[in-house]
Amino acid sequence: MIALYILITIVTFALMEGVTWFTHKYIMHGFLWVLHEDHHHPAKGQVFQKNDSFFFIFATPSILLFFFGVNPSLNFMFFIGLGILFYGIAYFLVHDVFIHQRFTWLSNVQHPYFKGLRRAHGSHHTGGECFGMLLVPRKFIKEAKENTLLVD
C-alpha cells in the first residue's frame, strides 16, 4: 500500500505541471488577470503582489484533500494533496526564489537546465509563451548551454 501511495504522490506532482499550464494560460491570463497582472508589471519596491493570492487559491484543494484523506482514516486523497503540496513547494522555490529572486537563496545556480528555465520564464513575460513551470522547451536549455560555452 505504501508503494501505491508514493506512486499517487509522484503522479499527482507530475500532473500538476499540466494543471499549472492550463490555469496559468486560461485562468490567470484570462478572467483572473486582475490578480495576475501585477506579477507581469510589478510596482517598484512592492513586496507582495495580488498575484500572491494564488497561493491560497491553489493551497485550498490540497488542504481539503488532506482533511478528507484522513477522515475517517488515511486514504488516497491525502497523497493527492501531498503531491499538490510538493508541487507548490517546488513552484515557490523555482518561480519566486530562483526565477524572480524574491529571496536570494538560489541566485547563483548555473546549471543549463536552470538557466534555460529562467530564460523560458523570461520569454513568457516578454512574449507570452511558456505557461508551465518545470518542463522547459529544449530550445531554452540548448541556448543556455551554448551561451555557457561562449563564456567559458
Foldseek 3Di string as FASTA:
>chain_A
DVVVLVVLLVVLLVCVLVVQLCCQQDPCVHPVVVQVVCVLVPDPPDLDGSVVCVLVVLLVQLVVLCVVCCVVHHDSSPSSSNSSVVNSVVCCCLPVCDQVNSDPPNPPDLQLLSQLQNVLVVCCSVPNDDSGHRDGPVVSSVVSVVVVVVVD
